[in-house]
N, C-alpha and C. Protein backbone atom coordinates (compact mmCIF):
# COMPACT_ATOMS: atom_id res chain seq x y z
N MET A 1 122.26 101.95 113.06
CA MET A 1 121.10 102.05 112.20
C MET A 1 121.33 101.24 110.91
N ILE A 2 120.37 100.44 110.55
CA ILE A 2 120.45 99.65 109.32
C ILE A 2 120.06 100.56 108.16
N SER A 3 120.83 100.50 107.08
CA SER A 3 120.55 101.38 105.95
C SER A 3 120.63 100.61 104.64
N LEU A 4 120.27 101.32 103.59
CA LEU A 4 120.36 100.76 102.24
C LEU A 4 121.81 100.73 101.77
N ARG A 5 122.08 99.82 100.89
CA ARG A 5 123.36 99.76 100.21
C ARG A 5 123.08 99.57 98.73
N CYS A 6 124.02 99.98 97.92
CA CYS A 6 123.86 99.73 96.49
C CYS A 6 125.19 99.28 95.93
N TYR A 7 125.09 98.47 94.89
CA TYR A 7 126.27 97.90 94.26
C TYR A 7 126.19 98.17 92.77
N ALA A 8 127.25 98.75 92.24
CA ALA A 8 127.28 99.07 90.81
C ALA A 8 127.80 97.88 90.03
N LEU A 9 127.14 97.62 88.92
CA LEU A 9 127.65 96.65 87.95
C LEU A 9 128.24 97.49 86.83
N ASN A 10 129.55 97.56 86.77
CA ASN A 10 130.20 98.46 85.84
C ASN A 10 130.54 97.82 84.51
N HIS A 11 129.78 96.82 84.12
CA HIS A 11 129.97 96.20 82.81
C HIS A 11 128.69 96.37 82.01
N ASN A 12 128.85 96.75 80.75
CA ASN A 12 127.69 96.82 79.87
C ASN A 12 127.14 95.40 79.73
N LEU A 13 125.86 95.23 80.01
CA LEU A 13 125.27 93.90 80.00
C LEU A 13 125.24 93.27 78.62
N LEU A 14 125.22 94.09 77.59
CA LEU A 14 125.15 93.56 76.22
C LEU A 14 126.53 93.25 75.65
N THR A 15 127.48 94.15 75.87
CA THR A 15 128.79 93.97 75.24
C THR A 15 129.84 93.38 76.17
N GLY A 16 129.63 93.49 77.48
CA GLY A 16 130.62 93.01 78.44
C GLY A 16 131.75 94.01 78.67
N ASN A 17 131.71 95.14 77.96
CA ASN A 17 132.76 96.15 78.12
C ASN A 17 132.62 96.85 79.46
N LYS A 18 133.73 97.19 80.07
CA LYS A 18 133.72 97.89 81.34
C LYS A 18 133.26 99.33 81.11
N LYS A 19 132.37 99.78 81.97
CA LYS A 19 131.87 101.15 81.89
C LYS A 19 132.58 101.99 82.93
N GLY A 20 132.44 103.31 82.82
CA GLY A 20 133.02 104.21 83.82
C GLY A 20 132.29 104.10 85.14
N SER A 21 132.85 104.73 86.14
CA SER A 21 132.20 104.68 87.44
C SER A 21 130.96 105.58 87.45
N ILE A 22 130.08 105.31 88.38
CA ILE A 22 128.84 106.08 88.49
C ILE A 22 129.15 107.36 89.26
N VAL A 23 128.77 108.48 88.67
CA VAL A 23 128.99 109.77 89.30
C VAL A 23 127.64 110.26 89.83
N PRO A 24 127.49 110.29 91.15
CA PRO A 24 126.21 110.75 91.71
C PRO A 24 125.90 112.18 91.26
N VAL A 25 124.62 112.47 91.08
CA VAL A 25 124.20 113.81 90.69
C VAL A 25 123.51 114.48 91.88
N ASP A 26 123.42 115.80 91.80
CA ASP A 26 122.75 116.53 92.88
C ASP A 26 121.26 116.24 92.87
N LEU A 27 120.68 116.25 94.04
CA LEU A 27 119.25 116.04 94.21
C LEU A 27 118.72 117.23 94.98
N ASN A 28 117.87 118.03 94.33
CA ASN A 28 117.37 119.26 94.96
C ASN A 28 116.31 118.99 96.02
N ASN A 29 115.39 118.09 95.71
CA ASN A 29 114.29 117.80 96.63
C ASN A 29 114.61 116.53 97.39
N LEU A 30 114.87 116.65 98.68
CA LEU A 30 115.25 115.51 99.50
C LEU A 30 114.08 114.86 100.21
N LYS A 31 112.87 115.29 99.86
CA LYS A 31 111.67 114.73 100.50
C LYS A 31 111.17 113.50 99.76
N SER A 32 110.40 112.69 100.47
CA SER A 32 109.76 111.54 99.86
C SER A 32 108.75 112.03 98.84
N LEU A 33 108.22 111.14 98.02
CA LEU A 33 107.27 111.56 96.98
C LEU A 33 106.03 112.23 97.55
N ASN A 34 105.57 111.75 98.69
CA ASN A 34 104.38 112.37 99.28
C ASN A 34 104.71 113.65 100.03
N GLY A 35 106.00 113.98 100.16
CA GLY A 35 106.43 115.22 100.77
C GLY A 35 106.32 115.27 102.28
N LYS A 36 105.97 114.16 102.91
CA LYS A 36 105.74 114.16 104.36
C LYS A 36 107.01 114.06 105.18
N PHE A 37 108.08 113.51 104.61
CA PHE A 37 109.32 113.39 105.38
C PHE A 37 110.51 113.39 104.43
N GLU A 38 111.67 113.70 105.00
CA GLU A 38 112.89 113.70 104.20
C GLU A 38 113.47 112.29 104.14
N LEU A 39 114.10 111.99 103.01
CA LEU A 39 114.80 110.73 102.87
C LEU A 39 116.00 110.74 103.82
N ASP A 40 116.39 109.57 104.33
CA ASP A 40 117.59 109.53 105.16
C ASP A 40 118.82 109.54 104.25
N GLN A 41 120.00 109.65 104.86
CA GLN A 41 121.22 109.83 104.06
C GLN A 41 121.49 108.66 103.13
N SER A 42 121.25 107.42 103.59
CA SER A 42 121.51 106.27 102.71
C SER A 42 120.55 106.27 101.52
N GLN A 43 119.30 106.68 101.75
CA GLN A 43 118.33 106.76 100.65
C GLN A 43 118.72 107.85 99.66
N ILE A 44 119.15 108.98 100.18
CA ILE A 44 119.58 110.09 99.32
C ILE A 44 120.78 109.66 98.47
N ASP A 45 121.75 109.00 99.09
CA ASP A 45 122.94 108.54 98.36
C ASP A 45 122.57 107.59 97.22
N VAL A 46 121.64 106.67 97.48
CA VAL A 46 121.23 105.71 96.45
C VAL A 46 120.50 106.43 95.32
N VAL A 47 119.58 107.33 95.64
CA VAL A 47 118.85 108.07 94.59
C VAL A 47 119.84 108.86 93.74
N LYS A 48 120.79 109.53 94.36
CA LYS A 48 121.79 110.30 93.61
C LYS A 48 122.59 109.41 92.66
N ARG A 49 122.95 108.22 93.13
CA ARG A 49 123.70 107.30 92.27
C ARG A 49 122.83 106.78 91.14
N ILE A 50 121.56 106.48 91.42
CA ILE A 50 120.65 106.03 90.36
C ILE A 50 120.53 107.11 89.30
N LEU A 51 120.37 108.35 89.72
CA LEU A 51 120.22 109.45 88.77
C LEU A 51 121.52 109.70 88.00
N GLY A 52 122.64 109.21 88.50
CA GLY A 52 123.92 109.38 87.82
C GLY A 52 124.27 108.25 86.87
N LEU A 53 123.41 107.25 86.77
CA LEU A 53 123.69 106.12 85.87
C LEU A 53 123.75 106.57 84.41
N LYS A 54 124.66 105.98 83.67
CA LYS A 54 124.76 106.21 82.23
C LYS A 54 124.25 104.96 81.52
N ASP A 55 124.10 105.05 80.19
CA ASP A 55 123.64 103.90 79.40
C ASP A 55 124.52 102.69 79.69
N GLY A 56 123.87 101.56 79.92
CA GLY A 56 124.58 100.31 80.15
C GLY A 56 124.98 100.07 81.58
N GLN A 57 124.84 101.07 82.45
CA GLN A 57 125.19 100.88 83.85
C GLN A 57 123.96 100.41 84.63
N MET A 58 124.20 99.68 85.67
CA MET A 58 123.11 99.18 86.50
C MET A 58 123.53 99.26 87.96
N LEU A 59 122.55 99.49 88.80
CA LEU A 59 122.78 99.57 90.22
C LEU A 59 121.83 98.61 90.90
N ILE A 60 122.34 97.82 91.81
CA ILE A 60 121.49 96.91 92.59
C ILE A 60 121.33 97.52 93.97
N VAL A 61 120.09 97.72 94.38
CA VAL A 61 119.79 98.31 95.68
C VAL A 61 119.35 97.19 96.62
N VAL A 62 120.01 97.10 97.76
CA VAL A 62 119.67 96.06 98.72
C VAL A 62 119.50 96.66 100.11
N GLY A 63 118.69 95.99 100.89
CA GLY A 63 118.50 96.42 102.27
C GLY A 63 117.40 95.59 102.90
N PRO A 64 117.45 95.44 104.20
CA PRO A 64 116.41 94.67 104.88
C PRO A 64 115.06 95.38 104.81
N PRO A 65 113.99 94.67 105.15
CA PRO A 65 112.66 95.29 105.15
C PRO A 65 112.65 96.56 106.01
N GLY A 66 111.96 97.57 105.49
CA GLY A 66 111.80 98.81 106.25
C GLY A 66 112.88 99.85 106.05
N THR A 67 113.84 99.60 105.18
CA THR A 67 114.92 100.57 104.96
C THR A 67 114.60 101.57 103.85
N GLY A 68 113.47 101.38 103.17
CA GLY A 68 113.05 102.37 102.19
C GLY A 68 113.39 102.06 100.75
N LYS A 69 113.59 100.80 100.43
CA LYS A 69 113.91 100.44 99.03
C LYS A 69 112.81 100.91 98.08
N THR A 70 111.56 100.67 98.45
CA THR A 70 110.45 101.04 97.57
C THR A 70 110.35 102.55 97.43
N LYS A 71 110.57 103.28 98.52
CA LYS A 71 110.57 104.76 98.45
C LYS A 71 111.65 105.24 97.49
N VAL A 72 112.84 104.63 97.58
CA VAL A 72 113.96 105.01 96.72
C VAL A 72 113.66 104.69 95.26
N ILE A 73 113.07 103.53 95.01
CA ILE A 73 112.72 103.15 93.64
C ILE A 73 111.72 104.15 93.06
N ALA A 74 110.67 104.45 93.82
CA ALA A 74 109.64 105.38 93.34
C ALA A 74 110.21 106.78 93.15
N LYS A 75 110.99 107.26 94.10
CA LYS A 75 111.58 108.60 94.01
C LYS A 75 112.51 108.69 92.80
N SER A 76 113.32 107.66 92.60
CA SER A 76 114.25 107.66 91.47
C SER A 76 113.50 107.64 90.14
N ALA A 77 112.49 106.79 90.03
CA ALA A 77 111.70 106.72 88.79
C ALA A 77 111.04 108.07 88.51
N TYR A 78 110.53 108.70 89.56
CA TYR A 78 109.88 110.01 89.40
C TYR A 78 110.89 111.06 88.91
N GLU A 79 112.05 111.11 89.55
CA GLU A 79 113.07 112.09 89.16
C GLU A 79 113.54 111.85 87.72
N LEU A 80 113.71 110.58 87.34
CA LEU A 80 114.09 110.26 85.96
C LEU A 80 113.01 110.71 84.98
N ALA A 81 111.75 110.42 85.30
CA ALA A 81 110.64 110.82 84.42
C ALA A 81 110.57 112.33 84.27
N LYS A 82 110.79 113.05 85.34
CA LYS A 82 110.77 114.51 85.27
C LYS A 82 111.88 115.04 84.36
N ARG A 83 112.98 114.29 84.23
CA ARG A 83 114.07 114.69 83.34
C ARG A 83 113.83 114.24 81.91
N GLY A 84 112.68 113.59 81.66
CA GLY A 84 112.37 113.12 80.31
C GLY A 84 112.93 111.74 80.01
N GLU A 85 113.43 111.06 81.02
CA GLU A 85 113.97 109.72 80.83
C GLU A 85 112.91 108.68 81.17
N LYS A 86 113.21 107.43 80.82
CA LYS A 86 112.29 106.33 81.10
C LYS A 86 112.88 105.44 82.16
N ALA A 87 112.01 104.84 82.95
CA ALA A 87 112.46 103.91 84.00
C ALA A 87 111.60 102.66 83.93
N LEU A 88 112.22 101.53 84.13
CA LEU A 88 111.52 100.25 84.19
C LEU A 88 111.66 99.74 85.62
N ILE A 89 110.53 99.49 86.26
CA ILE A 89 110.53 98.93 87.60
C ILE A 89 110.11 97.48 87.48
N THR A 90 110.97 96.59 87.92
CA THR A 90 110.68 95.17 87.81
C THR A 90 111.11 94.48 89.10
N SER A 91 110.47 93.38 89.39
CA SER A 91 110.80 92.63 90.59
C SER A 91 110.30 91.20 90.43
N HIS A 92 110.78 90.34 91.29
CA HIS A 92 110.30 88.97 91.28
C HIS A 92 108.93 88.86 91.95
N THR A 93 108.44 89.95 92.54
CA THR A 93 107.09 89.94 93.13
C THR A 93 106.27 91.10 92.57
N ASN A 94 104.99 90.84 92.34
CA ASN A 94 104.08 91.91 91.92
C ASN A 94 103.94 92.97 93.00
N VAL A 95 104.01 92.56 94.25
CA VAL A 95 103.78 93.47 95.37
C VAL A 95 104.78 94.62 95.33
N THR A 96 106.04 94.33 95.09
CA THR A 96 107.07 95.37 95.05
C THR A 96 106.79 96.38 93.95
N VAL A 97 106.49 95.90 92.76
CA VAL A 97 106.18 96.80 91.64
C VAL A 97 104.93 97.61 91.96
N ASN A 98 103.90 96.95 92.44
CA ASN A 98 102.66 97.66 92.77
C ASN A 98 102.88 98.73 93.82
N ASN A 99 103.65 98.43 94.87
CA ASN A 99 103.89 99.41 95.92
C ASN A 99 104.62 100.64 95.38
N ALA A 100 105.60 100.43 94.52
CA ALA A 100 106.32 101.57 93.94
C ALA A 100 105.39 102.38 93.03
N LEU A 101 104.60 101.68 92.21
CA LEU A 101 103.69 102.39 91.30
C LEU A 101 102.58 103.11 92.05
N GLU A 102 102.14 102.55 93.17
CA GLU A 102 101.13 103.23 94.00
C GLU A 102 101.63 104.61 94.42
N LYS A 103 102.92 104.70 94.72
CA LYS A 103 103.51 105.97 95.13
C LYS A 103 103.59 106.95 93.95
N LEU A 104 103.66 106.43 92.73
CA LEU A 104 103.78 107.28 91.53
C LEU A 104 102.44 107.61 90.89
N ALA A 105 101.42 106.82 91.17
CA ALA A 105 100.15 106.91 90.43
C ALA A 105 99.46 108.27 90.55
N ASP A 106 99.67 108.97 91.64
CA ASP A 106 99.01 110.27 91.82
C ASP A 106 99.77 111.44 91.22
N LYS A 107 100.95 111.18 90.71
CA LYS A 107 101.77 112.24 90.13
C LYS A 107 101.27 112.54 88.72
N GLU A 108 100.71 113.73 88.55
CA GLU A 108 100.11 114.08 87.26
C GLU A 108 101.11 114.62 86.26
N ASP A 109 102.33 114.93 86.71
CA ASP A 109 103.31 115.51 85.80
C ASP A 109 104.17 114.46 85.11
N ILE A 110 103.88 113.18 85.33
CA ILE A 110 104.59 112.10 84.63
C ILE A 110 103.57 111.07 84.14
N LYS A 111 103.99 110.26 83.19
CA LYS A 111 103.12 109.19 82.69
C LYS A 111 103.70 107.86 83.12
N ILE A 112 102.84 107.02 83.68
CA ILE A 112 103.29 105.68 84.06
C ILE A 112 102.32 104.65 83.49
N VAL A 113 102.85 103.48 83.24
CA VAL A 113 102.05 102.37 82.70
C VAL A 113 102.41 101.12 83.48
N ARG A 114 101.40 100.36 83.87
CA ARG A 114 101.61 99.08 84.56
C ARG A 114 101.35 97.97 83.57
N VAL A 115 102.31 97.10 83.39
CA VAL A 115 102.16 95.94 82.53
C VAL A 115 102.05 94.72 83.45
N GLY A 116 101.08 93.89 83.19
CA GLY A 116 100.91 92.70 84.02
C GLY A 116 99.46 92.30 84.09
N ARG A 117 99.18 91.46 85.04
CA ARG A 117 97.83 90.94 85.19
C ARG A 117 97.00 91.90 86.04
N PRO A 118 95.88 92.38 85.50
CA PRO A 118 95.09 93.37 86.24
C PRO A 118 94.48 92.82 87.54
N GLU A 119 94.25 91.53 87.61
CA GLU A 119 93.65 90.99 88.84
C GLU A 119 94.62 91.03 90.01
N LYS A 120 95.88 91.31 89.74
CA LYS A 120 96.87 91.38 90.81
C LYS A 120 97.20 92.82 91.18
N THR A 121 96.33 93.76 90.81
CA THR A 121 96.59 95.17 91.09
C THR A 121 95.41 95.81 91.80
N SER A 122 95.68 96.95 92.42
CA SER A 122 94.63 97.73 93.08
C SER A 122 93.79 98.45 92.03
N ASP A 123 92.65 98.98 92.46
CA ASP A 123 91.80 99.74 91.54
C ASP A 123 92.55 100.95 90.97
N LYS A 124 93.38 101.59 91.80
CA LYS A 124 94.15 102.75 91.35
C LYS A 124 95.09 102.34 90.21
N LEU A 125 95.73 101.18 90.36
CA LEU A 125 96.68 100.74 89.33
C LEU A 125 95.97 100.19 88.11
N LYS A 126 94.75 99.73 88.24
CA LYS A 126 93.99 99.27 87.07
C LYS A 126 93.81 100.41 86.07
N GLU A 127 93.80 101.64 86.56
CA GLU A 127 93.64 102.81 85.69
C GLU A 127 94.87 103.07 84.83
N ILE A 128 96.01 102.54 85.22
CA ILE A 128 97.23 102.78 84.45
C ILE A 128 97.73 101.51 83.75
N MET A 129 96.89 100.47 83.71
CA MET A 129 97.27 99.23 83.03
C MET A 129 97.45 99.49 81.54
N LEU A 130 98.43 98.84 80.94
CA LEU A 130 98.69 98.99 79.51
C LEU A 130 97.44 98.72 78.69
N SER A 131 96.68 97.71 79.07
CA SER A 131 95.48 97.37 78.31
C SER A 131 94.46 98.50 78.32
N LYS A 132 94.50 99.37 79.32
CA LYS A 132 93.57 100.50 79.40
C LYS A 132 94.14 101.76 78.73
N VAL A 133 95.39 102.06 78.95
CA VAL A 133 95.94 103.33 78.49
C VAL A 133 96.51 103.30 77.08
N ARG A 134 96.65 102.13 76.50
CA ARG A 134 97.32 102.08 75.19
C ARG A 134 96.59 102.91 74.15
N PHE A 135 95.28 102.97 74.19
CA PHE A 135 94.55 103.77 73.21
C PHE A 135 94.42 105.23 73.65
N GLU A 136 94.46 105.47 74.94
CA GLU A 136 94.33 106.84 75.44
C GLU A 136 95.53 107.70 75.05
N ARG A 137 96.70 107.08 74.93
CA ARG A 137 97.92 107.84 74.69
C ARG A 137 98.45 107.70 73.27
N ALA A 138 97.76 106.95 72.43
CA ALA A 138 98.26 106.68 71.09
C ALA A 138 97.64 107.61 70.06
N SER A 139 98.36 107.83 68.97
CA SER A 139 97.82 108.62 67.86
C SER A 139 96.77 107.79 67.14
N GLU A 140 95.95 108.46 66.36
CA GLU A 140 94.89 107.77 65.59
C GLU A 140 95.50 106.75 64.64
N ASP A 141 96.61 107.11 64.01
CA ASP A 141 97.28 106.20 63.08
C ASP A 141 97.74 104.94 63.78
N LEU A 142 98.33 105.10 64.97
CA LEU A 142 98.79 103.95 65.73
C LEU A 142 97.62 103.08 66.19
N ILE A 143 96.54 103.70 66.60
CA ILE A 143 95.35 102.95 67.02
C ILE A 143 94.83 102.09 65.87
N LYS A 144 94.79 102.67 64.67
CA LYS A 144 94.33 101.90 63.50
C LYS A 144 95.24 100.71 63.24
N LYS A 145 96.56 100.93 63.35
CA LYS A 145 97.51 99.84 63.14
C LYS A 145 97.34 98.74 64.20
N ILE A 146 97.15 99.14 65.44
CA ILE A 146 96.95 98.15 66.51
C ILE A 146 95.69 97.34 66.26
N ARG A 147 94.62 98.01 65.92
CA ARG A 147 93.35 97.30 65.68
C ARG A 147 93.48 96.35 64.47
N LYS A 148 94.19 96.79 63.44
CA LYS A 148 94.39 95.93 62.27
C LYS A 148 95.21 94.69 62.66
N LEU A 149 96.26 94.89 63.45
CA LEU A 149 97.07 93.75 63.91
C LEU A 149 96.26 92.80 64.79
N GLU A 150 95.43 93.36 65.65
CA GLU A 150 94.58 92.52 66.50
C GLU A 150 93.62 91.69 65.66
N GLU A 151 93.08 92.28 64.60
CA GLU A 151 92.18 91.53 63.72
C GLU A 151 92.95 90.44 62.98
N GLU A 152 94.15 90.74 62.54
CA GLU A 152 94.98 89.73 61.88
C GLU A 152 95.28 88.57 62.83
N ILE A 153 95.55 88.87 64.09
CA ILE A 153 95.81 87.83 65.08
C ILE A 153 94.57 86.96 65.27
N ARG A 154 93.41 87.58 65.38
CA ARG A 154 92.17 86.80 65.52
C ARG A 154 91.95 85.90 64.32
N CYS A 155 92.22 86.42 63.13
CA CYS A 155 92.07 85.64 61.90
C CYS A 155 93.04 84.46 61.88
N LEU A 156 94.28 84.72 62.25
CA LEU A 156 95.27 83.65 62.29
C LEU A 156 94.89 82.57 63.30
N LYS A 157 94.35 82.98 64.43
CA LYS A 157 93.92 82.02 65.45
C LYS A 157 92.77 81.16 64.92
N ARG A 158 91.84 81.78 64.20
CA ARG A 158 90.73 81.02 63.60
C ARG A 158 91.26 80.01 62.60
N ASN A 159 92.18 80.48 61.74
CA ASN A 159 92.78 79.58 60.74
C ASN A 159 93.52 78.43 61.39
N LEU A 160 94.25 78.71 62.44
CA LEU A 160 94.98 77.65 63.15
C LEU A 160 94.01 76.64 63.76
N LYS A 161 92.94 77.15 64.33
CA LYS A 161 91.93 76.27 64.92
C LYS A 161 91.32 75.37 63.86
N GLU A 162 91.03 75.94 62.69
CA GLU A 162 90.46 75.14 61.59
C GLU A 162 91.45 74.08 61.10
N LEU A 163 92.73 74.47 61.01
CA LEU A 163 93.74 73.50 60.57
C LEU A 163 93.89 72.35 61.57
N ARG A 164 93.80 72.65 62.82
CA ARG A 164 93.94 71.63 63.85
C ARG A 164 92.76 70.67 63.86
N SER A 165 91.58 71.16 63.51
CA SER A 165 90.38 70.31 63.56
C SER A 165 90.20 69.50 62.27
N SER A 166 90.96 69.83 61.22
CA SER A 166 90.80 69.07 59.97
C SER A 166 91.78 67.94 59.82
C-alpha cells in the first residue's frame, strides 16, 4: 500500500539553529473532517507529528496522488485551530489550497480566511475571502483605520498620476 511520508526540517528557518525532534501528540478523533471514514495509519502519524510541531519546526508531507495529503492538511489545520493556534495553508497551486479550505469551510467552530484571487475560488470560498471578511471580523476602531488608510492610498495614487502627467 502506498502511503504518506513526512520529513522534518529540524532547523529554525530564521536563525539556522538546530531544533529538537518532533514529538507526536495524541489525536483523539481519528476520523476525517466530514466524519465519514477513519484516517489510515500513515495519515494519523502525519497529523500527530504536525500537531507536535514547535515554533520554528516544519514538516514536509509528501505522497502520490490519492494518499490523502489534502485530508491531512485540512484535518491538521482544523485540530490546530481548535487548540487556538493558527495555520497557514500554502501551495504552488490554488487547487490544493482551495481543496483543503473546502473541507474546512463548513466548520463553524473555527475561523478561516482565504487570501488570493476570488475568480479562482468556488462560491463557498468566496464567502471567506479576506476582501469580504475583513470588516465582518474587525473592531470599529480597526475598520476606521483601514478605511482611512485606503483613502490615503487613493489620494497618493491620484497625486502620483498627476505627477506623471505633468
